[in-house]
Amino acid sequence: MNDKILILDFGSQFTQLIARCIRELNVYCEIQPCTKAIDYTQSLKGVILSGSPCSVNDTDAPATDIAAIAAHFPVLAVCYGAQLLARQAGGVVGSSTHREYGRAHLQDISGDALFATIAQGTQVWMSHADTIKELPTHFSVLARTDSIPVAAFKTDASFAAHAVYGIQFHPEVTHSTDGRQLLKNFIVDICQCKQDWTPAAFIQETVARIKQQAGDNKVVMALSGGVDSTVAATLIHRAIGTNLYCIFVDNGLLRKGEFEQVLEGYKHLGLNTKGIDARSRFYGELAGVSDPETKRKIIGRLFIEVFNEEAIKLKDVSFLGQGTIYPDVIESMSVHGGPSATIKSHHNVGGLPEIMHLSLIEPLRFLFKDEVRKVGRELGIDDIFIGRHPFPGPGLGIRILGPVSEEKVKLLQEADAIYIQHLRDSGMYKHVWQAGAILLPVQSVGVMGDERTYEYTCALRAVTSVDGMTADWAHLPYDLLARISNDIINQVRGINRVVYDISSKPPATIEWE
């Protein structure tokens, strides 16, 4: 087992950034709600408490027993976590006279191991309305800023057997210049974690775990052609070989030529894959449906039905493989132990296990998207799968705004194929995290030759991101956009106008529905 750091989440928007910073140090970490009991395993080496949008003085403020945790491991309490630590030990936390948000600089930094190699005046990122007005008597200040006297502090041995730190700033954001160094100091030097969590190590551990979990039993798995399901299936195949049975459903909402291309690619990977043509079934049930969440539910339900019909033809299947990744898990949990507010339903985390009465195998459950790609490359999977942009489970069904029809799907497939090919030819595809065309329920007047047209509008979407949790619109060159627009309008009969989406996530989502 690799050494592990546990992050207790109090609801901060930056919690996943802490995890990413730790993973980039080649140290394994997990996030769990602060309300969940800690599993004190031998591999756990330290605990980090996240920030929160709450105040520690709220009557229903999330909390955990920090002294009890520190009896077992070193603790680093960030922002809200630091205020909670101070309050639980007898200190005073209250509204700050000067609310600190944004850049600040640390002064009077002590020589403690947490700040090793970090110079005076280093820039940090603050985001808090409360502040620590009085530290408990047995705590010592490690740094201050011009605005607050307690920017970092440490407990003494009377509080707990292990080192416990509180910092008012966020080391996980890029604006904290030496934030990653501070996290490394805590994780590697103070918690004594080995930096040996690599893609190769992950593959070895995961394959061994799947072998132990599945034994000689059969596993059935739905494939989508995307990086997540492909990498997950390859890991399972390495563990159990021909006991893995894969099903690839053509719901009529795939990209142009994708069904045939993906099936051919899976042959080269040695995956036992059966392709199912269910296009007419999906088109029939989606006819006339405009509400995006209803479309998602129809597509999800039909997929489950089609997949289940094929899966039950197999005998003695015990497990269901899924390509669930960490952002799916994070977006489905909250600090109160229940599901987060639903922005949209996740296609790959519902329904099948309960209906099929199968146990789950999810090899990628604790990986971010870029980590999945690293594992895929380590496995030797072709870039046709690893380099592919993410594609939503409901496919083009949520890129066609309003009712879905076979005619609209064909229009969008042609426009999307032109768009993606231009991105590939220009070399921009690899610089974009996700791109796709959207067919809008808007028709406008156009003139082509001497003829008046009244046709659909196509929106182009391209974003840059690391893991899809946040995203910014991609700044594609104007001349490239002009060529794409010209080719779509000239080659796709039914579209006479092309627009480009320059919204970020948040406040928008990557997909339009």
Protein backbone atom coordinates (compact mmCIF):
# COMPACT_ATOMS: atom_id res chain seq x y z
CA MET A 1 0.00 0.00 0.00
CA ASN A 2 1.20 3.50 -0.83
CA ASP A 3 1.37 6.11 1.91
CA LYS A 4 -1.82 8.14 2.04
CA ILE A 5 -2.91 11.64 3.02
CA LEU A 6 -6.57 12.16 3.93
CA ILE A 7 -8.30 15.47 3.17
CA LEU A 8 -11.36 16.20 5.28
CA ASP A 9 -13.71 18.37 3.25
CA PHE A 10 -15.68 21.13 4.98
CA GLY A 11 -17.21 22.31 1.71
CA SER A 12 -14.44 24.46 0.22
CA GLN A 13 -14.40 25.15 -3.52
CA PHE A 14 -10.62 24.57 -3.37
CA THR A 15 -10.66 21.08 -1.77
CA GLN A 16 -9.99 19.24 -5.03
CA LEU A 17 -7.05 21.56 -5.68
CA ILE A 18 -5.41 20.35 -2.47
CA ALA A 19 -5.79 16.78 -3.74
CA ARG A 20 -4.31 17.66 -7.11
CA CYS A 21 -1.26 19.31 -5.51
CA ILE A 22 -0.63 16.24 -3.37
CA ARG A 23 -1.04 13.82 -6.29
CA GLU A 24 1.48 15.88 -8.28
CA LEU A 25 3.97 15.19 -5.48
CA ASN A 26 3.49 11.46 -6.27
CA VAL A 27 1.73 10.93 -2.96
CA TYR A 28 -1.69 9.29 -2.84
CA CYS A 29 -4.56 11.15 -1.19
CA GLU A 30 -8.31 10.90 -0.80
CA ILE A 31 -11.08 13.38 -0.03
CA GLN A 32 -13.93 12.53 2.32
CA PRO A 33 -16.64 14.60 4.04
CA CYS A 34 -15.58 15.86 7.46
CA THR A 35 -18.62 14.09 8.95
CA LYS A 36 -17.42 10.63 7.90
CA ALA A 37 -15.44 8.53 10.39
CA ILE A 38 -11.74 8.16 9.65
CA ASP A 39 -10.35 4.72 8.86
CA TYR A 40 -7.07 4.68 10.78
CA THR A 41 -5.18 2.35 8.44
CA GLN A 42 -1.44 1.77 8.47
CA SER A 43 -1.04 3.56 5.12
CA LEU A 44 -2.55 6.84 6.41
CA LYS A 45 0.24 9.26 7.31
CA GLY A 46 -1.44 12.64 7.80
CA VAL A 47 -4.67 14.62 7.62
CA ILE A 48 -5.46 17.99 6.01
CA LEU A 49 -8.55 20.00 6.98
CA SER A 50 -9.99 22.07 4.13
CA GLY A 51 -11.51 25.52 4.05
CA SER A 52 -15.26 26.13 4.07
CA PRO A 53 -17.86 28.73 3.06
CA CYS A 54 -19.19 28.49 6.65
CA SER A 55 -18.18 30.34 9.80
CA VAL A 56 -16.99 28.28 12.77
CA ASN A 57 -19.37 30.38 14.88
CA ASP A 58 -22.46 29.21 12.96
CA THR A 59 -24.74 26.97 15.00
CA ASP A 60 -24.65 24.24 12.35
CA ALA A 61 -20.99 24.70 11.35
CA PRO A 62 -19.35 21.45 10.16
CA ALA A 63 -16.82 20.09 12.64
CA THR A 64 -14.60 17.16 13.55
CA ASP A 65 -12.58 16.28 16.66
CA ILE A 66 -9.14 17.58 15.66
CA ALA A 67 -7.39 16.56 18.89
CA ALA A 68 -8.55 12.98 18.39
CA ILE A 69 -7.12 12.95 14.86
CA ALA A 70 -3.85 14.51 15.99
CA ALA A 71 -3.43 11.69 18.52
CA HIS A 72 -2.71 9.50 15.49
CA PHE A 73 -1.25 11.73 12.75
CA PRO A 74 0.14 15.17 11.96
CA VAL A 75 -2.59 17.63 10.95
CA LEU A 76 -2.54 20.66 8.65
CA ALA A 77 -5.62 22.86 9.09
CA VAL A 78 -6.32 25.27 6.21
CA CYS A 79 -8.35 28.51 6.58
CA TYR A 80 -11.68 27.37 8.11
CA GLY A 81 -9.85 24.31 9.44
CA ALA A 82 -7.34 26.58 11.21
CA GLN A 83 -10.15 28.62 12.78
CA LEU A 84 -11.91 25.43 13.88
CA LEU A 85 -8.66 24.19 15.43
CA ALA A 86 -8.15 27.43 17.34
CA ARG A 87 -11.76 27.51 18.56
CA GLN A 88 -11.78 23.88 19.72
CA ALA A 89 -8.62 24.47 21.74
CA GLY A 90 -10.06 27.51 23.53
CA GLY A 91 -9.11 30.35 21.21
CA VAL A 92 -11.40 33.11 19.92
CA VAL A 93 -12.56 33.44 16.31
CA GLY A 94 -14.60 36.42 15.16
CA SER A 95 -15.38 38.71 12.25
CA SER A 96 -12.29 40.35 10.84
CA THR A 97 -12.02 44.15 11.02
CA HIS A 98 -10.31 44.06 7.63
CA ARG A 99 -11.74 41.25 5.53
CA GLU A 100 -8.84 39.61 3.72
CA TYR A 101 -9.43 38.32 0.22
CA GLY A 102 -6.74 37.97 -2.41
CA ARG A 103 -2.97 38.37 -2.29
CA ALA A 104 -1.09 38.95 0.96
CA HIS A 105 2.53 38.52 2.07
CA LEU A 106 3.79 36.57 5.06
CA GLN A 107 6.01 38.34 7.57
CA ASP A 108 8.00 37.14 10.60
CA ILE A 109 8.06 33.56 9.28
CA SER A 110 9.50 31.21 11.88
CA GLY A 111 12.15 28.61 11.17
CA ASP A 112 9.71 25.73 11.65
CA ALA A 113 9.90 22.69 9.33
CA LEU A 114 6.58 23.69 7.72
CA PHE A 115 8.24 26.81 6.27
CA ALA A 116 11.57 25.24 5.33
CA THR A 117 13.12 27.01 2.28
CA ILE A 118 10.25 29.54 2.20
CA ALA A 119 11.48 33.14 2.29
CA GLN A 120 10.12 36.13 4.19
CA GLY A 121 7.50 38.09 2.25
CA THR A 122 6.28 35.13 0.23
CA GLN A 123 2.93 35.75 -1.45
CA VAL A 124 -0.12 33.79 -0.27
CA TRP A 125 -3.83 33.79 -1.17
CA MET A 126 -6.34 34.74 1.50
CA SER A 127 -10.11 34.19 1.42
CA HIS A 128 -11.76 34.71 4.80
CA ALA A 129 -14.20 37.01 6.59
CA ASP A 130 -13.48 35.63 10.09
CA THR A 131 -10.09 35.75 11.76
CA ILE A 132 -8.38 34.29 14.82
CA LYS A 133 -8.57 37.03 17.44
CA GLU A 134 -6.97 35.05 20.28
CA LEU A 135 -4.84 31.93 20.04
CA PRO A 136 -4.96 29.33 22.83
CA THR A 137 -2.11 29.93 25.27
CA HIS A 138 -0.22 26.77 24.25
CA PHE A 139 -0.20 27.67 20.53
CA SER A 140 2.62 29.63 18.89
CA VAL A 141 2.44 32.04 15.93
CA LEU A 142 4.55 31.00 12.91
CA ALA A 143 3.73 33.89 10.54
CA ARG A 144 1.62 37.02 10.18
CA THR A 145 0.60 39.45 7.44
CA ASP A 146 0.16 43.21 7.47
CA SER A 147 -3.57 42.72 8.12
CA ILE A 148 -3.73 39.79 10.54
CA PRO A 149 -1.45 38.83 13.43
CA VAL A 150 -2.09 35.08 13.06
CA ALA A 151 -1.51 33.82 9.52
CA ALA A 152 0.05 30.51 10.63
CA PHE A 153 0.46 28.76 13.96
CA LYS A 154 1.45 25.50 15.62
CA THR A 155 0.22 23.61 18.67
CA ASP A 156 2.53 22.22 21.33
CA ALA A 157 2.84 18.71 22.80
CA SER A 158 0.13 19.41 25.39
CA PHE A 159 -2.51 19.45 22.62
CA ALA A 160 -1.55 16.24 20.81
CA ALA A 161 1.24 13.74 20.29
CA HIS A 162 1.76 14.79 16.66
CA ALA A 163 2.52 18.11 15.00
CA VAL A 164 -0.59 20.20 14.34
CA TYR A 165 -0.50 23.32 12.16
CA GLY A 166 -3.03 25.98 11.25
CA ILE A 167 -2.67 28.31 8.27
CA GLN A 168 -5.13 31.07 7.41
CA PHE A 169 -4.20 31.13 3.70
CA HIS A 170 -4.75 28.66 0.85
CA PRO A 171 -1.49 26.96 -0.24
CA GLU A 172 -3.28 24.94 -2.91
CA VAL A 173 -4.02 27.85 -5.27
CA THR A 174 -1.43 29.05 -7.77
CA HIS A 175 -1.48 32.58 -6.29
CA SER A 176 0.29 31.22 -3.18
CA THR A 177 3.82 31.35 -4.60
CA ASP A 178 5.35 28.76 -2.25
CA GLY A 179 2.14 26.90 -1.48
CA ARG A 180 3.23 23.66 -3.07
CA GLN A 181 6.55 23.81 -1.24
CA LEU A 182 4.67 24.21 2.05
CA LEU A 183 2.47 21.21 1.21
CA LYS A 184 5.57 19.20 0.33
CA ASN A 185 7.19 20.20 3.62
CA PHE A 186 4.14 18.94 5.50
CA ILE A 187 3.52 15.78 3.49
CA VAL A 188 7.07 14.58 2.82
CA ASP A 189 9.11 15.97 5.71
CA ILE A 190 6.59 16.12 8.56
CA CYS A 191 4.27 13.21 7.65
CA GLN A 192 7.18 11.19 6.20
CA CYS A 193 5.27 10.12 3.06
CA LYS A 194 7.18 8.31 0.34
CA GLN A 195 6.77 9.87 -3.12
CA ASP A 196 6.18 6.58 -4.90
CA TRP A 197 2.60 6.86 -6.14
CA THR A 198 3.19 6.70 -9.92
CA PRO A 199 1.10 5.44 -12.87
CA ALA A 200 3.16 2.22 -12.91
CA ALA A 201 2.60 1.69 -9.19
CA PHE A 202 -1.11 2.42 -9.58
CA ILE A 203 -1.43 -0.17 -12.37
CA GLN A 204 0.36 -2.84 -10.36
CA GLU A 205 -1.74 -2.25 -7.25
CA THR A 206 -5.02 -1.93 -9.15
CA VAL A 207 -4.56 -5.09 -11.23
CA ALA A 208 -3.70 -7.02 -8.07
CA ARG A 209 -6.76 -5.62 -6.28
CA ILE A 210 -9.08 -6.50 -9.20
CA LYS A 211 -7.67 -10.05 -9.28
CA GLN A 212 -8.41 -10.42 -5.60
CA GLN A 213 -11.87 -8.84 -5.90
CA ALA A 214 -13.08 -10.68 -9.01
CA GLY A 215 -11.27 -13.98 -8.64
CA ASP A 216 -12.50 -16.37 -11.34
CA ASN A 217 -15.82 -14.57 -11.73
CA LYS A 218 -17.05 -12.83 -14.88
CA VAL A 219 -17.27 -9.04 -15.29
CA VAL A 220 -19.51 -7.23 -17.76
CA MET A 221 -18.81 -3.64 -18.74
CA ALA A 222 -20.25 -0.96 -20.99
CA LEU A 223 -17.73 0.82 -23.21
CA SER A 224 -18.17 4.29 -24.71
CA GLY A 225 -14.99 4.77 -26.71
CA GLY A 226 -13.83 7.42 -24.25
CA VAL A 227 -10.63 7.40 -22.25
CA ASP A 228 -12.25 6.50 -18.90
CA SER A 229 -14.09 3.34 -19.92
CA THR A 230 -11.22 2.25 -22.19
CA VAL A 231 -8.56 2.56 -19.48
CA ALA A 232 -10.83 0.94 -16.88
CA ALA A 233 -11.58 -1.98 -19.22
CA THR A 234 -7.89 -2.45 -20.03
CA LEU A 235 -7.03 -2.64 -16.32
CA ILE A 236 -9.77 -5.19 -15.71
CA HIS A 237 -8.69 -7.17 -18.79
CA ARG A 238 -5.13 -7.29 -17.48
CA ALA A 239 -6.44 -8.73 -14.24
CA ILE A 240 -8.98 -11.29 -15.46
CA GLY A 241 -8.45 -11.66 -19.23
CA THR A 242 -11.30 -13.32 -21.13
CA ASN A 243 -13.60 -13.18 -18.12
CA LEU A 244 -14.29 -9.56 -19.07
CA TYR A 245 -17.22 -9.07 -21.47
CA CYS A 246 -17.66 -5.61 -23.01
CA ILE A 247 -20.76 -4.10 -24.62
CA PHE A 248 -20.74 -0.99 -26.82
CA VAL A 249 -24.19 0.49 -27.48
CA ASP A 250 -24.83 2.73 -30.49
CA ASN A 251 -27.56 5.02 -29.18
CA GLY A 252 -27.64 7.04 -32.40
CA LEU A 253 -26.09 9.97 -30.55
CA LEU A 254 -22.42 9.21 -31.22
CA ARG A 255 -20.10 11.29 -33.37
CA LYS A 256 -19.82 10.64 -37.10
CA GLY A 257 -18.36 7.18 -37.82
CA GLU A 258 -17.58 6.64 -34.14
CA PHE A 259 -19.35 3.30 -33.71
CA GLU A 260 -17.30 1.55 -36.39
CA GLN A 261 -14.02 3.29 -35.46
CA VAL A 262 -14.28 2.43 -31.78
CA LEU A 263 -15.17 -1.23 -32.37
CA GLU A 264 -12.12 -1.57 -34.63
CA GLY A 265 -9.94 0.08 -31.98
CA TYR A 266 -11.13 -2.31 -29.30
CA LYS A 267 -10.20 -5.27 -31.50
CA HIS A 268 -6.61 -4.04 -31.50
CA LEU A 269 -6.70 -3.77 -27.69
CA GLY A 270 -7.81 -7.39 -27.45
CA LEU A 271 -11.04 -6.50 -25.66
CA ASN A 272 -13.95 -8.89 -26.18
CA THR A 273 -16.52 -6.32 -27.30
CA LYS A 274 -20.04 -6.71 -28.73
CA GLY A 275 -21.56 -3.77 -30.61
CA ILE A 276 -25.33 -3.16 -30.35
CA ASP A 277 -27.21 -0.98 -32.85
CA ALA A 278 -30.07 0.62 -30.85
CA ARG A 279 -30.42 3.86 -32.80
CA SER A 280 -34.09 3.58 -33.77
CA ARG A 281 -35.08 2.74 -30.21
CA PHE A 282 -33.47 5.88 -28.83
CA TYR A 283 -34.81 8.13 -31.60
CA GLY A 284 -38.30 6.82 -31.00
CA GLU A 285 -38.40 7.60 -27.28
CA LEU A 286 -36.66 10.98 -27.63
CA ALA A 287 -39.08 12.24 -30.27
CA GLY A 288 -40.70 15.51 -29.18
CA VAL A 289 -38.84 15.72 -25.83
CA SER A 290 -37.28 19.15 -25.14
CA ASP A 291 -36.44 19.24 -21.41
CA PRO A 292 -32.70 18.49 -21.00
CA GLU A 293 -32.99 16.54 -17.76
CA THR A 294 -35.83 14.46 -19.19
CA LYS A 295 -33.68 13.70 -22.23
CA ARG A 296 -30.82 12.65 -19.97
CA LYS A 297 -33.10 10.34 -18.01
CA ILE A 298 -34.57 8.78 -21.17
CA ILE A 299 -31.11 8.20 -22.63
CA GLY A 300 -29.84 6.82 -19.33
CA ARG A 301 -32.86 4.54 -18.85
CA LEU A 302 -32.76 3.19 -22.40
CA PHE A 303 -29.03 2.59 -22.15
CA ILE A 304 -29.59 0.57 -18.97
CA GLU A 305 -32.39 -1.41 -20.62
CA VAL A 306 -30.39 -2.20 -23.76
CA PHE A 307 -27.25 -3.01 -21.81
CA ASN A 308 -29.15 -5.19 -19.34
CA GLU A 309 -30.90 -7.10 -22.14
CA GLU A 310 -27.51 -8.00 -23.61
CA ALA A 311 -25.79 -8.61 -20.29
CA ILE A 312 -28.36 -11.14 -19.04
CA LYS A 313 -27.59 -13.28 -22.07
CA LEU A 314 -24.24 -13.93 -20.40
CA LYS A 315 -24.17 -16.65 -17.76
CA ASP A 316 -22.78 -16.37 -14.23
CA VAL A 317 -21.73 -12.71 -14.30
CA SER A 318 -20.94 -11.38 -10.81
CA PHE A 319 -19.45 -7.93 -11.37
CA LEU A 320 -20.14 -4.74 -13.29
CA GLY A 321 -17.15 -2.69 -14.43
CA GLN A 322 -17.50 1.10 -14.61
CA GLY A 323 -15.22 3.97 -15.62
CA THR A 324 -16.28 6.29 -12.79
CA ILE A 325 -13.58 8.89 -12.05
CA TYR A 326 -12.95 11.12 -9.03
CA PRO A 327 -14.79 14.29 -10.19
CA ASP A 328 -17.96 12.16 -10.52
CA VAL A 329 -17.51 11.00 -6.93
CA ILE A 330 -16.66 14.46 -5.55
CA GLU A 331 -19.69 16.07 -7.22
CA SER A 332 -21.92 13.39 -5.68
CA MET A 333 -20.99 13.95 -2.03
CA SER A 334 -21.27 16.79 0.47
CA VAL A 335 -19.92 17.69 3.90
CA HIS A 336 -23.30 16.73 5.35
CA GLY A 337 -23.00 13.19 4.04
CA GLY A 338 -25.72 13.50 1.41
CA PRO A 339 -25.69 14.23 -2.31
CA SER A 340 -24.68 17.67 -3.47
CA ALA A 341 -27.21 19.88 -5.23
CA THR A 342 -27.96 18.35 -8.61
CA ILE A 343 -26.70 20.46 -11.50
CA LYS A 344 -27.24 17.58 -13.92
CA SER A 345 -27.50 13.83 -13.48
CA HIS A 346 -24.31 11.83 -13.98
CA HIS A 347 -24.68 9.24 -16.72
CA ASN A 348 -22.17 6.74 -15.33
CA VAL A 349 -22.98 6.59 -11.62
CA GLY A 350 -26.60 5.50 -11.54
CA GLY A 351 -28.97 2.62 -12.09
CA LEU A 352 -27.08 -0.40 -13.35
CA PRO A 353 -25.70 -1.96 -10.14
CA GLU A 354 -29.12 -1.95 -8.45
CA ILE A 355 -31.04 -3.27 -11.46
CA MET A 356 -28.52 -5.98 -12.31
CA HIS A 357 -27.74 -6.94 -8.71
CA LEU A 358 -24.02 -6.93 -9.46
CA SER A 359 -21.07 -5.78 -7.37
CA LEU A 360 -19.08 -2.86 -8.77
CA ILE A 361 -15.50 -2.78 -9.97
CA GLU A 362 -14.39 0.84 -10.50
CA PRO A 363 -10.62 0.91 -11.12
CA LEU A 364 -10.49 4.69 -11.71
CA ARG A 365 -12.74 5.82 -8.87
CA PHE A 366 -10.01 7.91 -7.23
CA LEU A 367 -8.29 9.32 -10.33
CA PHE A 368 -8.66 12.72 -11.97
CA LYS A 369 -9.00 12.84 -15.77
CA ASP A 370 -5.37 13.75 -16.48
CA GLU A 371 -4.24 10.92 -14.17
CA VAL A 372 -6.42 8.48 -16.15
CA ARG A 373 -4.59 9.56 -19.31
CA LYS A 374 -1.19 9.01 -17.64
CA VAL A 375 -2.24 5.51 -16.61
CA GLY A 376 -3.53 4.84 -20.14
CA ARG A 377 -0.22 5.85 -21.68
CA GLU A 378 1.62 3.65 -19.16
CA LEU A 379 -0.65 0.79 -20.28
CA GLY A 380 0.36 1.45 -23.90
CA ILE A 381 -3.13 2.35 -25.09
CA ASP A 382 -3.17 4.10 -28.47
CA ASP A 383 -3.58 7.87 -28.53
CA ILE A 384 -6.80 7.46 -30.53
CA PHE A 385 -8.36 6.66 -27.15
CA ILE A 386 -6.05 8.43 -24.69
CA GLY A 387 -5.97 11.73 -26.56
CA ARG A 388 -9.70 11.90 -27.19
CA HIS A 389 -11.63 14.79 -25.73
CA PRO A 390 -14.23 13.92 -23.09
CA PHE A 391 -17.65 13.17 -24.57
CA PRO A 392 -20.85 13.26 -22.52
CA GLY A 393 -22.62 9.98 -21.73
CA PRO A 394 -25.88 11.17 -23.36
CA GLY A 395 -23.81 12.11 -26.42
CA LEU A 396 -25.23 14.47 -29.01
CA GLY A 397 -28.60 14.22 -27.27
CA ILE A 398 -27.54 17.08 -24.99
CA ARG A 399 -25.79 18.97 -27.77
CA ILE A 400 -29.03 19.23 -29.68
CA LEU A 401 -31.05 21.80 -27.79
CA GLY A 402 -34.74 20.95 -27.89
CA PRO A 403 -36.22 17.77 -29.40
CA VAL A 404 -33.84 15.19 -30.90
CA SER A 405 -34.43 13.66 -34.32
CA GLU A 406 -32.36 11.53 -36.68
CA GLU A 407 -32.25 14.45 -39.12
CA LYS A 408 -30.84 16.82 -36.48
CA VAL A 409 -28.32 14.22 -35.35
CA LYS A 410 -26.98 13.88 -38.90
CA LEU A 411 -26.71 17.68 -39.22
CA LEU A 412 -24.77 17.93 -35.99
CA GLN A 413 -22.56 14.94 -36.78
CA GLU A 414 -21.46 16.58 -40.03
CA ALA A 415 -20.82 19.97 -38.41
CA ASP A 416 -18.98 18.41 -35.47
CA ALA A 417 -16.80 16.28 -37.76
CA ILE A 418 -15.74 19.38 -39.73
CA TYR A 419 -15.01 21.27 -36.51
CA ILE A 420 -12.93 18.50 -34.89
CA GLN A 421 -11.00 17.81 -38.10
CA HIS A 422 -10.04 21.48 -38.35
CA LEU A 423 -8.82 21.40 -34.74
CA ARG A 424 -6.71 18.33 -35.50
CA ASP A 425 -5.30 19.72 -38.75
CA SER A 426 -4.37 23.03 -37.10
CA GLY A 427 -2.69 21.33 -34.12
CA MET A 428 -5.17 22.96 -31.70
CA TYR A 429 -6.94 19.73 -30.75
CA LYS A 430 -4.28 18.74 -28.22
CA HIS A 431 -4.36 22.20 -26.64
CA VAL A 432 -8.11 22.04 -26.03
CA TRP A 433 -9.52 19.95 -23.18
CA GLN A 434 -12.94 19.47 -24.76
CA ALA A 435 -14.63 20.68 -27.92
CA GLY A 436 -17.87 20.04 -29.69
CA ALA A 437 -20.58 21.57 -31.84
CA ILE A 438 -24.07 22.35 -30.52
CA LEU A 439 -27.19 22.58 -32.66
CA LEU A 440 -29.41 25.41 -31.43
CA PRO A 441 -33.20 25.51 -31.74
CA VAL A 442 -32.79 28.80 -33.58
CA GLN A 443 -33.32 29.36 -37.27
CA SER A 444 -32.25 32.54 -38.97
CA VAL A 445 -32.36 34.11 -42.40
CA GLY A 446 -29.36 33.73 -44.66
CA VAL A 447 -28.46 34.31 -48.29
CA MET A 448 -26.60 31.68 -50.32
CA GLY A 449 -26.14 32.71 -53.93
CA ASP A 450 -29.39 34.35 -54.93
CA GLU A 451 -31.45 32.17 -52.62
CA ARG A 452 -32.88 33.04 -49.24
CA THR A 453 -32.30 30.40 -46.58
CA TYR A 454 -33.93 29.86 -43.20
CA GLU A 455 -31.76 27.32 -41.41
CA TYR A 456 -30.30 26.30 -38.05
CA THR A 457 -27.58 27.99 -36.01
CA CYS A 458 -24.58 25.95 -34.85
CA ALA A 459 -22.59 26.97 -31.76
CA LEU A 460 -18.98 25.90 -31.32
CA ARG A 461 -17.69 25.13 -27.82
CA ALA A 462 -14.03 24.65 -26.87
CA VAL A 463 -12.62 24.84 -23.34
CA THR A 464 -9.32 24.52 -21.56
CA SER A 465 -9.26 22.69 -18.24
CA VAL A 466 -7.33 20.22 -16.12
CA ASP A 467 -10.06 17.93 -14.85
CA GLY A 468 -13.37 19.49 -15.88
CA MET A 469 -14.17 20.81 -12.40
CA THR A 470 -13.53 24.32 -13.72
CA ALA A 471 -12.92 25.43 -17.31
CA ASP A 472 -12.22 28.50 -19.42
CA TRP A 473 -13.14 29.07 -23.05
CA ALA A 474 -10.33 28.31 -25.49
CA HIS A 475 -8.92 31.29 -27.38
CA LEU A 476 -8.96 29.76 -30.86
CA PRO A 477 -7.39 31.88 -33.63
CA TYR A 478 -9.88 34.01 -35.55
CA ASP A 479 -8.71 32.74 -38.92
CA LEU A 480 -9.25 29.14 -37.77
CA LEU A 481 -12.77 29.96 -36.56
CA ALA A 482 -13.44 31.65 -39.90
CA ARG A 483 -12.39 28.53 -41.84
CA ILE A 484 -14.47 26.27 -39.62
CA SER A 485 -17.53 28.50 -40.01
CA ASN A 486 -17.12 28.73 -43.75
CA ASP A 487 -16.80 24.97 -44.21
CA ILE A 488 -19.75 24.13 -41.95
CA ILE A 489 -22.05 26.61 -43.72
CA ASN A 490 -20.94 25.50 -47.19
CA GLN A 491 -20.90 21.76 -46.57
CA VAL A 492 -23.76 21.14 -44.12
CA ARG A 493 -27.09 21.85 -45.76
CA GLY A 494 -29.42 23.01 -43.00
CA ILE A 495 -26.96 25.24 -41.10
CA ASN A 496 -26.42 28.84 -42.23
CA ARG A 497 -24.97 30.49 -39.13
CA VAL A 498 -22.08 29.60 -36.77
CA VAL A 499 -21.35 31.24 -33.38
CA TYR A 500 -18.61 30.68 -30.77
CA ASP A 501 -19.28 30.23 -27.03
CA ILE A 502 -16.96 32.29 -24.78
CA SER A 503 -18.43 31.30 -21.39
CA SER A 504 -16.33 29.85 -18.56
CA LYS A 505 -17.25 27.18 -15.98
CA PRO A 506 -18.50 28.43 -13.59
CA PRO A 507 -20.90 30.16 -14.10
CA ALA A 508 -21.72 28.17 -17.25
CA THR A 509 -21.26 24.41 -17.61
CA ILE A 510 -19.14 22.87 -20.35
CA GLU A 511 -22.14 21.27 -22.04
CA TRP A 512 -25.17 23.37 -22.90
CA GLU A 513 -27.65 20.91 -21.37
